[in-house]
Amino acid sequence: MNTEWIKVYIAAVFEVIWVSGLKHADDPLTWFVTIIAIAISFYGFISAGKKLPMGTVYAVFVGLGTAGTVIAEIIFFSEPIKVSKLLFILLLLIGVIGLKFVTEEPNAETEGAEL
């Protein structure tokens, strides 16, 4: 796994933080954390998209962010657990993992040649 994919995963974690923050922020500190999470999330997403296929990066970023947000709402904010919701999240994650596996990784020889 290269550092660009690690950026996507970290960006997705911060996406979960800011999406939850938009719903639950109610004081200056939580709004500050939400804004910082937005900046980190989009920096990682945009930075990784410069070297990886943008469509795949976007799908993985949004898929992990969506699954993470649903799971965070269940764990931290007492959202009711529905088996159907969990099954669809599992299906989403299977799709994201599959998309990641079928996407070719850039290597040192082709990185500069694809302009």
PDB file of N, CA and C in Angstrom:
ATOM      1  N   MET A   1       0.852  -1.179   0.000  1.00  0.00           N
ATOM      2  CA  MET A   1       0.000   0.000   0.000  1.00  0.00           C
ATOM      3  C   MET A   1       0.896   1.239   0.000  1.00  0.00           C
ATOM      4  N   ASN A   2       0.585   2.178  -0.864  1.00  0.00           N
ATOM      5  CA  ASN A   2       1.426   3.363  -0.914  1.00  0.00           C
ATOM      6  C   ASN A   2       0.863   4.494  -0.053  1.00  0.00           C
ATOM      7  N   THR A   3       1.644   5.532   0.094  1.00  0.00           N
ATOM      8  CA  THR A   3       1.260   6.636   0.978  1.00  0.00           C
ATOM      9  C   THR A   3       0.029   7.382   0.485  1.00  0.00           C
ATOM     10  N   GLU A   4      -0.239   7.345  -0.806  1.00  0.00           N
ATOM     11  CA  GLU A   4      -1.426   8.044  -1.317  1.00  0.00           C
ATOM     12  C   GLU A   4      -2.702   7.389  -0.796  1.00  0.00           C
ATOM     13  N   TRP A   5      -2.733   6.060  -0.729  1.00  0.00           N
ATOM     14  CA  TRP A   5      -3.915   5.381  -0.192  1.00  0.00           C
ATOM     15  C   TRP A   5      -4.043   5.630   1.301  1.00  0.00           C
ATOM     16  N   ILE A   6      -2.921   5.727   1.991  1.00  0.00           N
ATOM     17  CA  ILE A   6      -2.983   6.051   3.421  1.00  0.00           C
ATOM     18  C   ILE A   6      -3.612   7.430   3.609  1.00  0.00           C
ATOM     19  N   LYS A   7      -3.281   8.373   2.722  1.00  0.00           N
ATOM     20  CA  LYS A   7      -3.910   9.703   2.776  1.00  0.00           C
ATOM     21  C   LYS A   7      -5.421   9.608   2.612  1.00  0.00           C
ATOM     22  N   VAL A   8      -5.872   8.745   1.708  1.00  0.00           N
ATOM     23  CA  VAL A   8      -7.315   8.578   1.493  1.00  0.00           C
ATOM     24  C   VAL A   8      -7.972   8.039   2.764  1.00  0.00           C
ATOM     25  N   TYR A   9      -7.353   7.041   3.393  1.00  0.00           N
ATOM     26  CA  TYR A   9      -7.930   6.456   4.606  1.00  0.00           C
ATOM     27  C   TYR A   9      -7.973   7.467   5.747  1.00  0.00           C
ATOM     28  N   ILE A  10      -6.904   8.226   5.910  1.00  0.00           N
ATOM     29  CA  ILE A  10      -6.881   9.255   6.960  1.00  0.00           C
ATOM     30  C   ILE A  10      -7.914  10.329   6.655  1.00  0.00           C
ATOM     31  N   ALA A  11      -8.017  10.725   5.387  1.00  0.00           N
ATOM     32  CA  ALA A  11      -9.020  11.719   4.998  1.00  0.00           C
ATOM     33  C   ALA A  11     -10.427  11.223   5.304  1.00  0.00           C
ATOM     34  N   ALA A  12     -10.681   9.942   5.101  1.00  0.00           N
ATOM     35  CA  ALA A  12     -12.001   9.380   5.390  1.00  0.00           C
ATOM     36  C   ALA A  12     -12.300   9.403   6.884  1.00  0.00           C
ATOM     37  N   VAL A  13     -11.289   9.160   7.711  1.00  0.00           N
ATOM     38  CA  VAL A  13     -11.485   9.243   9.167  1.00  0.00           C
ATOM     39  C   VAL A  13     -11.869  10.660   9.558  1.00  0.00           C
ATOM     40  N   PHE A  14     -11.172  11.643   9.000  1.00  0.00           N
ATOM     41  CA  PHE A  14     -11.503  13.029   9.312  1.00  0.00           C
ATOM     42  C   PHE A  14     -12.847  13.441   8.709  1.00  0.00           C
ATOM     43  N   GLU A  15     -13.248  12.788   7.627  1.00  0.00           N
ATOM     44  CA  GLU A  15     -14.588  13.046   7.087  1.00  0.00           C
ATOM     45  C   GLU A  15     -15.653  12.623   8.093  1.00  0.00           C
ATOM     46  N   VAL A  16     -15.459  11.486   8.726  1.00  0.00           N
ATOM     47  CA  VAL A  16     -16.402  11.029   9.752  1.00  0.00           C
ATOM     48  C   VAL A  16     -16.482  12.060  10.877  1.00  0.00           C
ATOM     49  N   ILE A  17     -15.340  12.600  11.271  1.00  0.00           N
ATOM     50  CA  ILE A  17     -15.312  13.587  12.354  1.00  0.00           C
ATOM     51  C   ILE A  17     -16.076  14.840  11.963  1.00  0.00           C
ATOM     52  N   TRP A  18     -15.835  15.371  10.748  1.00  0.00           N
ATOM     53  CA  TRP A  18     -16.504  16.625  10.418  1.00  0.00           C
ATOM     54  C   TRP A  18     -17.981  16.440  10.101  1.00  0.00           C
ATOM     55  N   VAL A  19     -18.345  15.312   9.523  1.00  0.00           N
ATOM     56  CA  VAL A  19     -19.767  15.085   9.258  1.00  0.00           C
ATOM     57  C   VAL A  19     -20.530  14.973  10.580  1.00  0.00           C
ATOM     58  N   SER A  20     -19.974  14.233  11.532  1.00  0.00           N
ATOM     59  CA  SER A  20     -20.591  14.145  12.854  1.00  0.00           C
ATOM     60  C   SER A  20     -20.578  15.509  13.533  1.00  0.00           C
ATOM     61  N   GLY A  21     -19.497  16.253  13.333  1.00  0.00           N
ATOM     62  CA  GLY A  21     -19.404  17.593  13.913  1.00  0.00           C
ATOM     63  C   GLY A  21     -20.469  18.535  13.393  1.00  0.00           C
ATOM     64  N   LEU A  22     -20.801  18.439  12.114  1.00  0.00           N
ATOM     65  CA  LEU A  22     -21.848  19.312  11.572  1.00  0.00           C
ATOM     66  C   LEU A  22     -23.185  19.079  12.271  1.00  0.00           C
ATOM     67  N   LYS A  23     -23.425  17.847  12.681  1.00  0.00           N
ATOM     68  CA  LYS A  23     -24.689  17.525  13.350  1.00  0.00           C
ATOM     69  C   LYS A  23     -24.643  17.853  14.844  1.00  0.00           C
ATOM     70  N   HIS A  24     -23.500  17.623  15.482  1.00  0.00           N
ATOM     71  CA  HIS A  24     -23.454  17.664  16.935  1.00  0.00           C
ATOM     72  C   HIS A  24     -22.696  18.846  17.531  1.00  0.00           C
ATOM     73  N   ALA A  25     -22.019  19.655  16.726  1.00  0.00           N
ATOM     74  CA  ALA A  25     -21.259  20.782  17.272  1.00  0.00           C
ATOM     75  C   ALA A  25     -22.211  21.816  17.861  1.00  0.00           C
ATOM     76  N   ASP A  26     -21.887  22.250  19.091  1.00  0.00           N
ATOM     77  CA  ASP A  26     -22.767  23.223  19.739  1.00  0.00           C
ATOM     78  C   ASP A  26     -22.010  24.257  20.569  1.00  0.00           C
ATOM     79  N   ASP A  27     -20.697  24.293  20.423  1.00  0.00           N
ATOM     80  CA  ASP A  27     -19.907  25.313  21.106  1.00  0.00           C
ATOM     81  C   ASP A  27     -18.695  25.635  20.236  1.00  0.00           C
ATOM     82  N   PRO A  28     -17.974  26.712  20.545  1.00  0.00           N
ATOM     83  CA  PRO A  28     -16.844  27.108  19.691  1.00  0.00           C
ATOM     84  C   PRO A  28     -15.776  26.021  19.530  1.00  0.00           C
ATOM     85  N   LEU A  29     -15.494  25.252  20.575  1.00  0.00           N
ATOM     86  CA  LEU A  29     -14.460  24.219  20.468  1.00  0.00           C
ATOM     87  C   LEU A  29     -14.868  23.126  19.483  1.00  0.00           C
ATOM     88  N   THR A  30     -16.086  22.637  19.574  1.00  0.00           N
ATOM     89  CA  THR A  30     -16.513  21.575  18.659  1.00  0.00           C
ATOM     90  C   THR A  30     -16.639  22.088  17.228  1.00  0.00           C
ATOM     91  N   TRP A  31     -17.006  23.364  17.063  1.00  0.00           N
ATOM     92  CA  TRP A  31     -17.023  23.931  15.708  1.00  0.00           C
ATOM     93  C   TRP A  31     -15.602  24.077  15.167  1.00  0.00           C
ATOM     94  N   PHE A  32     -14.665  24.449  16.033  1.00  0.00           N
ATOM     95  CA  PHE A  32     -13.265  24.553  15.620  1.00  0.00           C
ATOM     96  C   PHE A  32     -12.737  23.192  15.166  1.00  0.00           C
ATOM     97  N   VAL A  33     -13.006  22.149  15.951  1.00  0.00           N
ATOM     98  CA  VAL A  33     -12.580  20.795  15.590  1.00  0.00           C
ATOM     99  C   VAL A  33     -13.211  20.374  14.266  1.00  0.00           C
ATOM    100  N   THR A  34     -14.472  20.711  14.067  1.00  0.00           N
ATOM    101  CA  THR A  34     -15.170  20.383  12.817  1.00  0.00           C
ATOM    102  C   THR A  34     -14.502  21.056  11.622  1.00  0.00           C
ATOM    103  N   ILE A  35     -14.158  22.316  11.764  1.00  0.00           N
ATOM    104  CA  ILE A  35     -13.521  23.058  10.663  1.00  0.00           C
ATOM    105  C   ILE A  35     -12.128  22.500  10.360  1.00  0.00           C
ATOM    106  N   ILE A  36     -11.369  22.187  11.396  1.00  0.00           N
ATOM    107  CA  ILE A  36     -10.039  21.589  11.198  1.00  0.00           C
ATOM    108  C   ILE A  36     -10.169  20.231  10.510  1.00  0.00           C
ATOM    109  N   ALA A  37     -11.158  19.440  10.922  1.00  0.00           N
ATOM    110  CA  ALA A  37     -11.373  18.123  10.306  1.00  0.00           C
ATOM    111  C   ALA A  37     -11.733  18.263   8.830  1.00  0.00           C
ATOM    112  N   ILE A  38     -12.525  19.280   8.485  1.00  0.00           N
ATOM    113  CA  ILE A  38     -12.857  19.526   7.075  1.00  0.00           C
ATOM    114  C   ILE A  38     -11.577  19.808   6.286  1.00  0.00           C
ATOM    115  N   ALA A  39     -10.736  20.668   6.818  1.00  0.00           N
ATOM    116  CA  ALA A  39      -9.497  21.042   6.113  1.00  0.00           C
ATOM    117  C   ALA A  39      -8.579  19.826   5.920  1.00  0.00           C
ATOM    118  N   ILE A  40      -8.394  19.032   6.971  1.00  0.00           N
ATOM    119  CA  ILE A  40      -7.521  17.855   6.870  1.00  0.00           C
ATOM    120  C   ILE A  40      -8.106  16.837   5.901  1.00  0.00           C
ATOM    121  N   SER A  41      -9.414  16.629   5.986  1.00  0.00           N
ATOM    122  CA  SER A  41     -10.085  15.660   5.131  1.00  0.00           C
ATOM    123  C   SER A  41      -9.929  16.019   3.654  1.00  0.00           C
ATOM    124  N   PHE A  42     -10.223  17.258   3.317  1.00  0.00           N
ATOM    125  CA  PHE A  42     -10.143  17.642   1.920  1.00  0.00           C
ATOM    126  C   PHE A  42      -8.709  17.755   1.426  1.00  0.00           C
ATOM    127  N   TYR A  43      -7.783  18.125   2.306  1.00  0.00           N
ATOM    128  CA  TYR A  43      -6.376  18.140   1.891  1.00  0.00           C
ATOM    129  C   TYR A  43      -5.927  16.726   1.504  1.00  0.00           C
ATOM    130  N   GLY A  44      -6.225  15.750   2.343  1.00  0.00           N
ATOM    131  CA  GLY A  44      -5.832  14.372   2.048  1.00  0.00           C
ATOM    132  C   GLY A  44      -6.485  13.849   0.786  1.00  0.00           C
ATOM    133  N   PHE A  45      -7.771  14.132   0.631  1.00  0.00           N
ATOM    134  CA  PHE A  45      -8.522  13.692  -0.545  1.00  0.00           C
ATOM    135  C   PHE A  45      -7.943  14.304  -1.826  1.00  0.00           C
ATOM    136  N   ILE A  46      -7.747  15.601  -1.827  1.00  0.00           N
ATOM    137  CA  ILE A  46      -7.240  16.289  -3.017  1.00  0.00           C
ATOM    138  C   ILE A  46      -5.799  15.874  -3.309  1.00  0.00           C
ATOM    139  N   SER A  47      -4.988  15.770  -2.270  1.00  0.00           N
ATOM    140  CA  SER A  47      -3.588  15.386  -2.438  1.00  0.00           C
ATOM    141  C   SER A  47      -3.468  13.985  -3.046  1.00  0.00           C
ATOM    142  N   ALA A  48      -4.250  13.040  -2.541  1.00  0.00           N
ATOM    143  CA  ALA A  48      -4.206  11.675  -3.083  1.00  0.00           C
ATOM    144  C   ALA A  48      -4.738  11.627  -4.509  1.00  0.00           C
ATOM    145  N   GLY A  49      -5.725  12.449  -4.800  1.00  0.00           N
ATOM    146  CA  GLY A  49      -6.324  12.477  -6.131  1.00  0.00           C
ATOM    147  C   GLY A  49      -5.389  12.977  -7.214  1.00  0.00           C
ATOM    148  N   LYS A  50      -4.313  13.621  -6.827  1.00  0.00           N
ATOM    149  CA  LYS A  50      -3.343  14.089  -7.815  1.00  0.00           C
ATOM    150  C   LYS A  50      -2.495  12.951  -8.375  1.00  0.00           C
ATOM    151  N   LYS A  51      -2.384  11.847  -7.621  1.00  0.00           N
ATOM    152  CA  LYS A  51      -1.533  10.740  -8.061  1.00  0.00           C
ATOM    153  C   LYS A  51      -2.296   9.445  -8.308  1.00  0.00           C
ATOM    154  N   LEU A  52      -3.508   9.335  -7.789  1.00  0.00           N
ATOM    155  CA  LEU A  52      -4.329   8.136  -7.982  1.00  0.00           C
ATOM    156  C   LEU A  52      -5.519   8.485  -8.872  1.00  0.00           C
ATOM    157  N   PRO A  53      -6.159   7.498  -9.463  1.00  0.00           N
ATOM    158  CA  PRO A  53      -7.353   7.779 -10.279  1.00  0.00           C
ATOM    159  C   PRO A  53      -8.443   8.439  -9.426  1.00  0.00           C
ATOM    160  N   MET A  54      -8.864   9.628  -9.835  1.00  0.00           N
ATOM    161  CA  MET A  54      -9.772  10.425  -9.015  1.00  0.00           C
ATOM    162  C   MET A  54     -11.110   9.726  -8.766  1.00  0.00           C
ATOM    163  N   GLY A  55     -11.639   9.034  -9.743  1.00  0.00           N
ATOM    164  CA  GLY A  55     -12.917   8.347  -9.547  1.00  0.00           C
ATOM    165  C   GLY A  55     -12.831   7.291  -8.465  1.00  0.00           C
ATOM    166  N   THR A  56     -11.748   6.551  -8.442  1.00  0.00           N
ATOM    167  CA  THR A  56     -11.555   5.521  -7.422  1.00  0.00           C
ATOM    168  C   THR A  56     -11.318   6.161  -6.061  1.00  0.00           C
ATOM    169  N   VAL A  57     -10.500   7.208  -6.018  1.00  0.00           N
ATOM    170  CA  VAL A  57     -10.239   7.910  -4.760  1.00  0.00           C
ATOM    171  C   VAL A  57     -11.547   8.444  -4.189  1.00  0.00           C
ATOM    172  N   TYR A  58     -12.355   9.050  -5.032  1.00  0.00           N
ATOM    173  CA  TYR A  58     -13.625   9.611  -4.565  1.00  0.00           C
ATOM    174  C   TYR A  58     -14.549   8.519  -4.028  1.00  0.00           C
ATOM    175  N   ALA A  59     -14.649   7.409  -4.751  1.00  0.00           N
ATOM    176  CA  ALA A  59     -15.522   6.314  -4.324  1.00  0.00           C
ATOM    177  C   ALA A  59     -15.064   5.728  -2.990  1.00  0.00           C
ATOM    178  N   VAL A  60     -13.769   5.527  -2.832  1.00  0.00           N
ATOM    179  CA  VAL A  60     -13.248   4.975  -1.585  1.00  0.00           C
ATOM    180  C   VAL A  60     -13.438   5.983  -0.445  1.00  0.00           C
ATOM    181  N   PHE A  61     -13.126   7.232  -0.691  1.00  0.00           N
ATOM    182  CA  PHE A  61     -13.261   8.295   0.307  1.00  0.00           C
ATOM    183  C   PHE A  61     -14.707   8.408   0.799  1.00  0.00           C
ATOM    184  N   VAL A  62     -15.632   8.503  -0.127  1.00  0.00           N
ATOM    185  CA  VAL A  62     -17.038   8.664   0.242  1.00  0.00           C
ATOM    186  C   VAL A  62     -17.595   7.377   0.859  1.00  0.00           C
ATOM    187  N   GLY A  63     -17.219   6.225   0.310  1.00  0.00           N
ATOM    188  CA  GLY A  63     -17.710   4.960   0.857  1.00  0.00           C
ATOM    189  C   GLY A  63     -17.254   4.733   2.287  1.00  0.00           C
ATOM    190  N   LEU A  64     -15.960   4.946   2.541  1.00  0.00           N
ATOM    191  CA  LEU A  64     -15.451   4.784   3.899  1.00  0.00           C
ATOM    192  C   LEU A  64     -16.026   5.840   4.834  1.00  0.00           C
ATOM    193  N   GLY A  65     -16.168   7.050   4.329  1.00  0.00           N
ATOM    194  CA  GLY A  65     -16.757   8.114   5.146  1.00  0.00           C
ATOM    195  C   GLY A  65     -18.205   7.821   5.509  1.00  0.00           C
ATOM    196  N   THR A  66     -18.957   7.311   4.547  1.00  0.00           N
ATOM    197  CA  THR A  66     -20.350   6.965   4.807  1.00  0.00           C
ATOM    198  C   THR A  66     -20.455   5.842   5.827  1.00  0.00           C
ATOM    199  N   ALA A  67     -19.715   4.773   5.606  1.00  0.00           N
ATOM    200  CA  ALA A  67     -19.742   3.641   6.538  1.00  0.00           C
ATOM    201  C   ALA A  67     -19.263   4.078   7.921  1.00  0.00           C
ATOM    202  N   GLY A  68     -18.195   4.838   7.965  1.00  0.00           N
ATOM    203  CA  GLY A  68     -17.670   5.306   9.246  1.00  0.00           C
ATOM    204  C   GLY A  68     -18.632   6.206   9.984  1.00  0.00           C
ATOM    205  N   THR A  69     -19.336   7.062   9.257  1.00  0.00           N
ATOM    206  CA  THR A  69     -20.299   7.959   9.888  1.00  0.00           C
ATOM    207  C   THR A  69     -21.458   7.183  10.489  1.00  0.00           C
ATOM    208  N   VAL A  70     -21.970   6.219   9.766  1.00  0.00           N
ATOM    209  CA  VAL A  70     -23.066   5.395  10.293  1.00  0.00           C
ATOM    210  C   VAL A  70     -22.612   4.642  11.538  1.00  0.00           C
ATOM    211  N   ILE A  71     -21.431   4.055  11.478  1.00  0.00           N
ATOM    212  CA  ILE A  71     -20.910   3.306  12.628  1.00  0.00           C
ATOM    213  C   ILE A  71     -20.651   4.234  13.817  1.00  0.00           C
ATOM    214  N   ALA A  72     -20.085   5.414  13.560  1.00  0.00           N
ATOM    215  CA  ALA A  72     -19.828   6.379  14.637  1.00  0.00           C
ATOM    216  C   ALA A  72     -21.135   6.836  15.284  1.00  0.00           C
ATOM    217  N   GLU A  73     -22.156   7.062  14.471  1.00  0.00           N
ATOM    218  CA  GLU A  73     -23.463   7.469  15.025  1.00  0.00           C
ATOM    219  C   GLU A  73     -24.028   6.377  15.925  1.00  0.00           C
ATOM    220  N   ILE A  74     -23.849   5.126  15.538  1.00  0.00           N
ATOM    221  CA  ILE A  74     -24.342   4.012  16.362  1.00  0.00           C
ATOM    222  C   ILE A  74     -23.541   3.914  17.659  1.00  0.00           C
ATOM    223  N   ILE A  75     -22.215   3.995  17.561  1.00  0.00           N
ATOM    224  CA  ILE A  75     -21.352   3.798  18.739  1.00  0.00           C
ATOM    225  C   ILE A  75     -21.388   4.996  19.692  1.00  0.00           C
ATOM    226  N   PHE A  76     -21.246   6.194  19.159  1.00  0.00           N
ATOM    227  CA  PHE A  76     -21.068   7.364  20.014  1.00  0.00           C
ATOM    228  C   PHE A  76     -22.342   8.163  20.292  1.00  0.00           C
ATOM    229  N   PHE A  77     -23.347   8.042  19.432  1.00  0.00           N
ATOM    230  CA  PHE A  77     -24.521   8.900  19.570  1.00  0.00           C
ATOM    231  C   PHE A  77     -25.827   8.124  19.678  1.00  0.00           C
ATOM    232  N   SER A  78     -25.743   6.857  20.018  1.00  0.00           N
ATOM    233  CA  SER A  78     -26.912   6.010  20.315  1.00  0.00           C
ATOM    234  C   SER A  78     -27.937   5.933  19.189  1.00  0.00           C
ATOM    235  N   GLU A  79     -27.463   5.980  17.971  1.00  0.00           N
ATOM    236  CA  GLU A  79     -28.349   5.767  16.821  1.00  0.00           C
ATOM    237  C   GLU A  79     -28.848   4.325  16.881  1.00  0.00           C
ATOM    238  N   PRO A  80     -30.134   4.091  16.622  1.00  0.00           N
ATOM    239  CA  PRO A  80     -30.626   2.711  16.674  1.00  0.00           C
ATOM    240  C   PRO A  80     -29.946   1.823  15.635  1.00  0.00           C
ATOM    241  N   ILE A  81     -29.678   0.585  16.037  1.00  0.00           N
ATOM    242  CA  ILE A  81     -29.041  -0.386  15.145  1.00  0.00           C
ATOM    243  C   ILE A  81     -30.127  -1.102  14.360  1.00  0.00           C
ATOM    244  N   LYS A  82     -29.970  -1.059  13.035  1.00  0.00           N
ATOM    245  CA  LYS A  82     -30.884  -1.791  12.160  1.00  0.00           C
ATOM    246  C   LYS A  82     -30.051  -2.763  11.341  1.00  0.00           C
ATOM    247  N   VAL A  83     -30.470  -4.013  11.333  1.00  0.00           N
ATOM    248  CA  VAL A  83     -29.732  -5.033  10.590  1.00  0.00           C
ATOM    249  C   VAL A  83     -29.664  -4.672   9.114  1.00  0.00           C
ATOM    250  N   SER A  84     -30.742  -4.161   8.560  1.00  0.00           N
ATOM    251  CA  SER A  84     -30.744  -3.793   7.138  1.00  0.00           C
ATOM    252  C   SER A  84     -29.704  -2.711   6.848  1.00  0.00           C
ATOM    253  N   LYS A  85     -29.579  -1.747   7.739  1.00  0.00           N
ATOM    254  CA  LYS A  85     -28.592  -0.682   7.559  1.00  0.00           C
ATOM    255  C   LYS A  85     -27.181  -1.258   7.594  1.00  0.00           C
ATOM    256  N   LEU A  86     -26.923  -2.149   8.529  1.00  0.00           N
ATOM    257  CA  LEU A  86     -25.599  -2.759   8.633  1.00  0.00           C
ATOM    258  C   LEU A  86     -25.272  -3.625   7.419  1.00  0.00           C
ATOM    259  N   LEU A  87     -26.271  -4.316   6.883  1.00  0.00           N
ATOM    260  CA  LEU A  87     -26.047  -5.126   5.683  1.00  0.00           C
ATOM    261  C   LEU A  87     -25.700  -4.260   4.483  1.00  0.00           C
ATOM    262  N   PHE A  88     -26.379  -3.131   4.345  1.00  0.00           N
ATOM    263  CA  PHE A  88     -26.073  -2.243   3.224  1.00  0.00           C
ATOM    264  C   PHE A  88     -24.706  -1.571   3.395  1.00  0.00           C
ATOM    265  N   ILE A  89     -24.315  -1.265   4.630  1.00  0.00           N
ATOM    266  CA  ILE A  89     -22.981  -0.728   4.881  1.00  0.00           C
ATOM    267  C   ILE A  89     -21.935  -1.781   4.514  1.00  0.00           C
ATOM    268  N   LEU A  90     -22.185  -3.037   4.876  1.00  0.00           N
ATOM    269  CA  LEU A  90     -21.278  -4.132   4.515  1.00  0.00           C
ATOM    270  C   LEU A  90     -21.165  -4.250   2.995  1.00  0.00           C
ATOM    271  N   LEU A  91     -22.274  -4.155   2.304  1.00  0.00           N
ATOM    272  CA  LEU A  91     -22.271  -4.204   0.839  1.00  0.00           C
ATOM    273  C   LEU A  91     -21.471  -3.038   0.258  1.00  0.00           C
ATOM    274  N   LEU A  92     -21.640  -1.867   0.835  1.00  0.00           N
ATOM    275  CA  LEU A  92     -20.890  -0.693   0.398  1.00  0.00           C
ATOM    276  C   LEU A  92     -19.391  -0.908   0.597  1.00  0.00           C
ATOM    277  N   LEU A  93     -19.012  -1.426   1.754  1.00  0.00           N
ATOM    278  CA  LEU A  93     -17.592  -1.661   2.022  1.00  0.00           C
ATOM    279  C   LEU A  93     -17.009  -2.732   1.107  1.00  0.00           C
ATOM    280  N   ILE A  94     -17.783  -3.754   0.791  1.00  0.00           N
ATOM    281  CA  ILE A  94     -17.316  -4.776  -0.157  1.00  0.00           C
ATOM    282  C   ILE A  94     -17.048  -4.133  -1.521  1.00  0.00           C
ATOM    283  N   GLY A  95     -17.925  -3.246  -1.953  1.00  0.00           N
ATOM    284  CA  GLY A  95     -17.724  -2.544  -3.215  1.00  0.00           C
ATOM    285  C   GLY A  95     -16.494  -1.658  -3.198  1.00  0.00           C
ATOM    286  N   VAL A  96     -16.287  -0.936  -2.105  1.00  0.00           N
ATOM    287  CA  VAL A  96     -15.127  -0.059  -1.983  1.00  0.00           C
ATOM    288  C   VAL A  96     -13.837  -0.874  -1.991  1.00  0.00           C
ATOM    289  N   ILE A  97     -13.808  -1.968  -1.239  1.00  0.00           N
ATOM    290  CA  ILE A  97     -12.616  -2.824  -1.204  1.00  0.00           C
ATOM    291  C   ILE A  97     -12.358  -3.429  -2.578  1.00  0.00           C
ATOM    292  N   GLY A  98     -13.412  -3.882  -3.243  1.00  0.00           N
ATOM    293  CA  GLY A  98     -13.256  -4.437  -4.590  1.00  0.00           C
ATOM    294  C   GLY A  98     -12.719  -3.415  -5.565  1.00  0.00           C
ATOM    295  N   LEU A  99     -13.238  -2.194  -5.495  1.00  0.00           N
ATOM    296  CA  LEU A  99     -12.775  -1.129  -6.382  1.00  0.00           C
ATOM    297  C   LEU A  99     -11.302  -0.823  -6.130  1.00  0.00           C
ATOM    298  N   LYS A 100     -10.904  -0.814  -4.883  1.00  0.00           N
ATOM    299  CA  LYS A 100      -9.503  -0.569  -4.545  1.00  0.00           C
ATOM    300  C   LYS A 100      -8.607  -1.671  -5.114  1.00  0.00           C
ATOM    301  N   PHE A 101      -9.048  -2.926  -5.023  1.00  0.00           N
ATOM    302  CA  PHE A 101      -8.229  -4.035  -5.509  1.00  0.00           C
ATOM    303  C   PHE A 101      -8.090  -4.054  -7.032  1.00  0.00           C
ATOM    304  N   VAL A 102      -9.059  -3.581  -7.758  1.00  0.00           N
ATOM    305  CA  VAL A 102      -8.967  -3.630  -9.213  1.00  0.00           C
ATOM    306  C   VAL A 102      -8.337  -2.376  -9.804  1.00  0.00           C
ATOM    307  N   THR A 103      -7.995  -1.401  -8.971  1.00  0.00           N
ATOM    308  CA  THR A 103      -7.364  -0.178  -9.449  1.00  0.00           C
ATOM    309  C   THR A 103      -5.857  -0.357  -9.461  1.00  0.00           C
ATOM    310  N   GLU A 104      -5.246  -0.042 -10.591  1.00  0.00           N
ATOM    311  CA  GLU A 104      -3.807  -0.177 -10.711  1.00  0.00           C
ATOM    312  C   GLU A 104      -3.107   0.904  -9.899  1.00  0.00           C
ATOM    313  N   GLU A 105      -2.079   0.478  -9.182  1.00  0.00           N
ATOM    314  CA  GLU A 105      -1.273   1.399  -8.386  1.00  0.00           C
ATOM    315  C   GLU A 105      -0.276   2.104  -9.306  1.00  0.00           C
ATOM    316  N   PRO A 106      -0.085   3.417  -9.133  1.00  0.00           N
ATOM    317  CA  PRO A 106       0.971   4.072  -9.906  1.00  0.00           C
ATOM    318  C   PRO A 106       2.329   3.625  -9.389  1.00  0.00           C
ATOM    319  N   ASN A 107       3.287   3.525 -10.298  1.00  0.00           N
ATOM    320  CA  ASN A 107       4.637   3.179  -9.854  1.00  0.00           C
ATOM    321  C   ASN A 107       5.605   4.250 -10.318  1.00  0.00           C
ATOM    322  N   ALA A 108       6.830   4.142  -9.894  1.00  0.00           N
ATOM    323  CA  ALA A 108       7.824   5.172 -10.192  1.00  0.00           C
ATOM    324  C   ALA A 108       8.068   5.340 -11.680  1.00  0.00           C
ATOM    325  N   GLU A 109       7.916   4.263 -12.469  1.00  0.00           N
ATOM    326  CA  GLU A 109       8.185   4.348 -13.902  1.00  0.00           C
ATOM    327  C   GLU A 109       7.062   5.073 -14.653  1.00  0.00           C
ATOM    328  N   THR A 110       5.813   4.905 -14.207  1.00  0.00           N
ATOM    329  CA  THR A 110       4.694   5.494 -14.956  1.00  0.00           C
ATOM    330  C   THR A 110       4.178   6.782 -14.346  1.00  0.00           C
ATOM    331  N   GLU A 111       4.640   7.170 -13.152  1.00  0.00           N
ATOM    332  CA  GLU A 111       4.105   8.367 -12.515  1.00  0.00           C
ATOM    333  C   GLU A 111       4.281   9.613 -13.362  1.00  0.00           C
ATOM    334  N   GLY A 112       5.457   9.851 -13.871  1.00  0.00           N
ATOM    335  CA  GLY A 112       5.702  11.059 -14.640  1.00  0.00           C
ATOM    336  C   GLY A 112       5.326  10.924 -16.110  1.00  0.00           C
ATOM    337  N   ALA A 113       5.092   9.682 -16.590  1.00  0.00           N
ATOM    338  CA  ALA A 113       4.850   9.449 -18.003  1.00  0.00           C
ATOM    339  C   ALA A 113       3.398   9.615 -18.414  1.00  0.00           C
ATOM    340  N   GLU A 114       2.479   9.774 -17.462  1.00  0.00           N
ATOM    341  CA  GLU A 114       1.071   9.806 -17.799  1.00  0.00           C
ATOM    342  C   GLU A 114       0.537  11.217 -17.959  1.00  0.00           C
ATOM    343  N   LEU A 115       1.311  12.157 -18.370  1.00  0.00           N
ATOM    344  CA  LEU A 115       0.852  13.528 -18.544  1.00  0.00           C
ATOM    345  C   LEU A 115       0.278  13.768 -19.862  1.00  0.00           C
TER     346      LEU A 115
END
